[in-house]
Amino acid sequence: MVRLLVVAAICVLTAPAGAHEFVVKPGTVNVEAGAPVGVTVVSSHVFMTSEELEPAKDVAVWIVDGERREPVKLVANPAALTYTGSIAAPTSSGFLIAGARLPQIWSLTPEGLKQGTPAQLPGARRPMKIEKFSKTLVNMQAADAPWGRVLGDRLEVVPLANPATIKPGQDLSVRILFDGKPLSTRVYATYDGFTETPNSYAYFTETANDGTAKIRLTQPGLWMVRVEQRIDEKASNHESYMARAAVVFQVKG
């Protein structure tokens, strides 16, 4: 079931306050080996302009080349509400930039949703563990292999075709995984600059039972596909769990 949203906004009404989308935005998607690759960590309801500066201890970014992961040192930019960093490209072929907003516990209090557990917040209840994942495809060419790599994030969007081979007006197939298994869920996609309206996407669809979905890539530009999963999950400090995940890639004109 697929619906193209040209003007309409898709509002995630059940999302907790402050639960911004977490996206690692590349400075470039084409770079030679050894040249600097800039990254910007965006936390926002407007894609892809940041609206919130996450705590530094909760943000991590890595360059992923084969089995090697190298952390990217990040520097806060309070004026832009972002973290930025740069690292030398490990190869002229395809590689990934992976990012995570590490787990946080949020609870419902008489004053609204706040970060912390009921033990830390008087009168709080219904603690939820929230984490977010993002991965970005760099240097994707028609013959490159890393576009379909599974990183093992608890929630993950995995392309089933190389975005470098998809032209505007064509579909990109993806599979959604949760705990390593196909997930049936809603899938949202948009491109950088589509709109300044919060929580608005250029495309919406739902997966088949095998966790696969097709995204119509209507425009050239920097795209992201995102998903969300919520479950009841009883643990020592939370009663439920929510994850968000995005994959970012370039669609060539």
Protein backbone atom coordinates (compact mmCIF):
# COMPACT_ATOMS: atom_id res chain seq x y z
CA MET A 1 0.00 0.00 0.00
CA VAL A 2 1.75 3.10 -1.25
CA ARG A 3 0.74 6.75 -1.06
CA LEU A 4 2.71 9.60 -2.53
CA LEU A 5 2.50 12.70 -0.36
CA VAL A 6 3.22 15.76 -2.43
CA VAL A 7 1.97 18.42 -0.03
CA ALA A 8 0.52 16.58 2.95
CA ALA A 9 2.45 16.21 6.19
CA ILE A 10 2.82 12.92 7.98
CA CYS A 11 2.76 13.73 11.68
CA VAL A 12 4.05 11.16 14.13
CA LEU A 13 1.46 12.03 16.75
CA THR A 14 2.49 9.34 19.18
CA ALA A 15 6.13 10.40 19.32
CA PRO A 16 7.31 11.67 22.69
CA ALA A 17 8.10 15.34 23.04
CA GLY A 18 11.68 16.11 22.09
CA ALA A 19 12.08 12.85 20.14
CA HIS A 20 13.79 14.44 17.18
CA GLU A 21 14.97 12.47 14.18
CA PHE A 22 18.68 11.64 14.38
CA VAL A 23 20.51 11.94 11.06
CA VAL A 24 24.20 11.92 10.12
CA LYS A 25 24.42 14.28 7.15
CA PRO A 26 27.53 13.99 4.94
CA GLY A 27 29.52 16.96 3.73
CA THR A 28 29.99 15.07 0.47
CA VAL A 29 28.85 11.77 -1.01
CA ASN A 30 31.78 11.54 -3.44
CA VAL A 31 35.37 11.76 -2.23
CA GLU A 32 38.80 10.35 -3.10
CA ALA A 33 40.75 8.19 -0.67
CA GLY A 34 42.60 10.31 1.89
CA ALA A 35 40.51 13.44 1.29
CA PRO A 36 38.54 14.86 4.23
CA VAL A 37 34.94 13.78 4.74
CA GLY A 38 32.86 16.15 6.81
CA VAL A 39 29.85 14.97 8.82
CA THR A 40 27.12 16.89 10.59
CA VAL A 41 24.89 15.35 13.25
CA VAL A 42 21.36 16.68 12.86
CA SER A 43 18.60 16.28 15.45
CA SER A 44 15.37 17.70 14.12
CA HIS A 45 11.73 17.46 13.08
CA VAL A 46 12.66 19.43 9.92
CA PHE A 47 14.78 17.51 7.43
CA MET A 48 17.65 18.12 7.38
CA THR A 49 18.08 21.23 9.56
CA SER A 50 18.99 20.69 13.21
CA GLU A 51 16.75 21.94 16.02
CA GLU A 52 18.34 20.32 19.06
CA LEU A 53 21.84 19.73 20.43
CA GLU A 54 21.90 16.27 21.96
CA PRO A 55 24.16 15.65 25.00
CA ALA A 56 27.69 15.02 23.74
CA LYS A 57 28.01 11.81 25.75
CA ASP A 58 25.02 10.34 23.89
CA VAL A 59 26.25 10.93 20.32
CA ALA A 60 28.68 8.71 18.41
CA VAL A 61 29.72 8.51 14.75
CA TRP A 62 32.02 6.04 12.96
CA ILE A 63 33.49 5.55 9.51
CA VAL A 64 32.81 1.93 8.49
CA ASP A 65 35.08 0.38 5.84
CA GLY A 66 34.75 -3.38 5.61
CA GLU A 67 35.22 -4.75 9.12
CA ARG A 68 37.01 -1.60 10.32
CA ARG A 69 35.21 1.05 12.36
CA GLU A 70 36.98 4.31 13.12
CA PRO A 71 35.36 6.84 15.45
CA VAL A 72 34.87 10.39 14.21
CA LYS A 73 35.77 13.10 16.71
CA LEU A 74 32.83 15.48 17.03
CA VAL A 75 32.77 19.14 18.03
CA ALA A 76 29.62 20.90 19.20
CA ASN A 77 28.32 23.89 17.24
CA PRO A 78 25.79 25.43 19.65
CA ALA A 79 24.81 28.17 17.19
CA ALA A 80 23.73 25.60 14.59
CA LEU A 81 22.60 23.01 17.19
CA THR A 82 24.82 20.39 15.53
CA TYR A 83 27.92 18.31 16.04
CA THR A 84 30.47 18.34 13.24
CA GLY A 85 33.53 16.27 12.48
CA SER A 86 35.91 15.30 9.71
CA ILE A 87 37.94 12.22 8.86
CA ALA A 88 40.03 11.07 5.92
CA ALA A 89 38.12 8.92 3.45
CA PRO A 90 39.38 5.33 3.87
CA THR A 91 38.90 4.48 0.19
CA SER A 92 37.76 5.86 -3.15
CA SER A 93 35.24 3.01 -3.28
CA GLY A 94 32.04 2.80 -1.27
CA PHE A 95 31.96 3.01 2.52
CA LEU A 96 29.49 3.87 5.28
CA ILE A 97 29.19 6.49 7.97
CA ALA A 98 27.36 5.08 10.98
CA GLY A 99 25.89 7.09 13.84
CA ALA A 100 23.96 6.49 17.04
CA ARG A 101 22.08 8.54 19.57
CA LEU A 102 22.85 6.26 22.48
CA PRO A 103 20.07 4.98 24.77
CA GLN A 104 18.24 7.41 27.05
CA ILE A 105 15.43 6.80 29.54
CA TRP A 106 12.41 9.12 29.40
CA SER A 107 9.45 9.03 31.81
CA LEU A 108 6.01 10.58 31.97
CA THR A 109 5.76 13.10 34.82
CA PRO A 110 2.93 15.38 35.99
CA GLU A 111 4.70 18.16 34.04
CA GLY A 112 5.09 16.09 30.89
CA LEU A 113 7.76 13.82 29.44
CA LYS A 114 11.22 14.24 31.00
CA GLN A 115 14.53 12.47 30.72
CA GLY A 116 15.15 10.20 33.69
CA THR A 117 13.74 7.20 35.52
CA PRO A 118 10.90 7.18 38.08
CA ALA A 119 13.57 6.76 40.74
CA GLN A 120 15.08 10.07 39.61
CA LEU A 121 11.84 11.96 38.93
CA PRO A 122 9.21 12.19 41.70
CA GLY A 123 5.78 11.12 40.44
CA ALA A 124 7.14 9.78 37.16
CA ARG A 125 5.84 6.62 35.51
CA ARG A 126 5.98 4.61 32.27
CA PRO A 127 9.76 4.86 31.66
CA MET A 128 10.79 4.29 28.05
CA LYS A 129 14.22 3.48 26.67
CA ILE A 130 14.87 5.40 23.43
CA GLU A 131 17.77 5.02 21.01
CA LYS A 132 18.36 6.10 17.42
CA PHE A 133 20.51 4.91 14.55
CA SER A 134 21.66 6.47 11.29
CA LYS A 135 23.86 5.31 8.45
CA THR A 136 25.02 7.19 5.37
CA LEU A 137 26.25 5.77 2.06
CA VAL A 138 29.33 7.46 0.56
CA ASN A 139 31.04 6.90 -2.81
CA MET A 140 28.31 4.60 -4.06
CA GLN A 141 28.93 3.61 -7.66
CA ALA A 142 27.10 1.05 -9.79
CA ALA A 143 29.60 -1.71 -8.97
CA ASP A 144 30.02 -0.96 -5.25
CA ALA A 145 28.99 -3.53 -2.67
CA PRO A 146 28.64 -1.79 0.76
CA TRP A 147 25.17 -0.34 0.06
CA GLY A 148 23.47 -3.53 1.32
CA ARG A 149 25.62 -4.17 4.37
CA VAL A 150 23.81 -4.99 7.61
CA LEU A 151 25.51 -3.20 10.52
CA GLY A 152 23.58 -5.04 13.22
CA ASP A 153 21.82 -2.03 14.76
CA ARG A 154 18.77 -3.14 16.72
CA LEU A 155 16.58 -1.32 14.16
CA GLU A 156 17.98 -0.94 10.66
CA VAL A 157 16.97 0.07 7.14
CA VAL A 158 18.82 -2.07 4.57
CA PRO A 159 18.71 -1.12 0.86
CA LEU A 160 18.06 -4.10 -1.41
CA ALA A 161 19.46 -2.30 -4.45
CA ASN A 162 22.28 0.16 -4.94
CA PRO A 163 20.87 3.72 -4.75
CA ALA A 164 23.57 4.75 -7.24
CA THR A 165 21.69 2.79 -9.91
CA ILE A 166 18.27 4.32 -9.16
CA LYS A 167 17.14 7.32 -11.17
CA PRO A 168 14.48 9.86 -10.17
CA GLY A 169 11.04 8.37 -10.76
CA GLN A 170 12.20 4.83 -9.99
CA ASP A 171 11.69 2.71 -6.86
CA LEU A 172 14.29 1.70 -4.28
CA SER A 173 13.56 -1.53 -2.41
CA VAL A 174 14.54 -1.72 1.26
CA ARG A 175 14.17 -4.27 4.05
CA ILE A 176 13.49 -3.25 7.66
CA LEU A 177 15.13 -5.35 10.37
CA PHE A 178 14.45 -5.34 14.12
CA ASP A 179 16.60 -7.58 16.28
CA GLY A 180 17.90 -9.02 13.02
CA LYS A 181 14.46 -10.13 11.81
CA PRO A 182 12.17 -8.61 9.12
CA LEU A 183 9.79 -6.04 10.59
CA SER A 184 6.36 -5.13 9.24
CA THR A 185 5.99 -1.38 9.77
CA ARG A 186 5.43 2.05 8.24
CA VAL A 187 8.24 3.56 6.19
CA TYR A 188 8.79 7.29 5.63
CA ALA A 189 11.15 8.97 3.17
CA THR A 190 12.08 12.50 2.20
CA TYR A 191 14.88 14.53 0.66
CA ASP A 192 16.90 17.48 1.90
CA GLY A 193 14.97 20.70 1.28
CA PHE A 194 11.59 19.10 0.61
CA THR A 195 9.82 21.33 3.17
CA GLU A 196 10.39 23.29 6.36
CA THR A 197 7.18 21.89 7.85
CA PRO A 198 8.00 19.68 10.85
CA ASN A 199 7.40 15.92 10.68
CA SER A 200 6.68 16.07 6.94
CA TYR A 201 7.82 13.53 4.39
CA ALA A 202 7.83 13.33 0.61
CA TYR A 203 6.80 9.66 0.59
CA PHE A 204 5.06 7.13 2.80
CA THR A 205 4.51 3.41 2.42
CA GLU A 206 4.14 0.22 4.47
CA THR A 207 6.20 -2.93 4.32
CA ALA A 208 5.04 -6.32 3.16
CA ASN A 209 5.04 -9.12 5.72
CA ASP A 210 8.67 -9.90 4.89
CA GLY A 211 9.78 -6.42 5.96
CA THR A 212 10.34 -5.14 2.42
CA ALA A 213 9.06 -1.88 0.97
CA LYS A 214 9.50 0.17 -2.19
CA ILE A 215 10.30 3.88 -2.03
CA ARG A 216 9.61 6.03 -5.09
CA LEU A 217 12.59 8.37 -5.39
CA THR A 218 10.92 11.31 -7.02
CA GLN A 219 13.80 13.82 -7.03
CA PRO A 220 17.57 13.96 -7.30
CA GLY A 221 19.25 14.98 -4.06
CA LEU A 222 20.13 13.74 -0.59
CA TRP A 223 17.43 11.33 0.62
CA MET A 224 16.69 9.62 3.89
CA VAL A 225 14.45 6.64 4.64
CA ARG A 226 13.38 6.29 8.27
CA VAL A 227 11.42 3.88 10.43
CA GLU A 228 10.36 3.54 14.06
CA GLN A 229 9.60 0.60 16.33
CA ARG A 230 7.99 0.50 19.80
CA ILE A 231 7.56 -2.52 22.03
CA ASP A 232 6.74 -3.34 25.64
CA GLU A 233 10.04 -4.32 27.21
CA LYS A 234 10.31 -4.86 30.92
CA ALA A 235 13.75 -4.16 32.38
CA SER A 236 15.29 -2.75 35.53
CA ASN A 237 14.91 0.89 34.43
CA HIS A 238 12.26 0.89 31.68
CA GLU A 239 8.90 -0.62 30.74
CA SER A 240 8.94 0.03 27.00
CA TYR A 241 11.40 0.58 24.20
CA MET A 242 11.50 2.80 21.11
CA ALA A 243 14.04 2.89 18.32
CA ARG A 244 14.33 5.05 15.24
CA ALA A 245 16.60 4.35 12.30
CA ALA A 246 17.47 6.14 9.07
CA VAL A 247 19.58 5.51 5.99
CA VAL A 248 20.90 8.49 4.00
CA PHE A 249 22.01 8.35 0.36
CA GLN A 250 22.34 10.41 -2.79
CA VAL A 251 19.96 10.11 -5.75
CA LYS A 252 21.66 11.23 -8.92
CA GLY A 253 19.88 13.34 -11.50
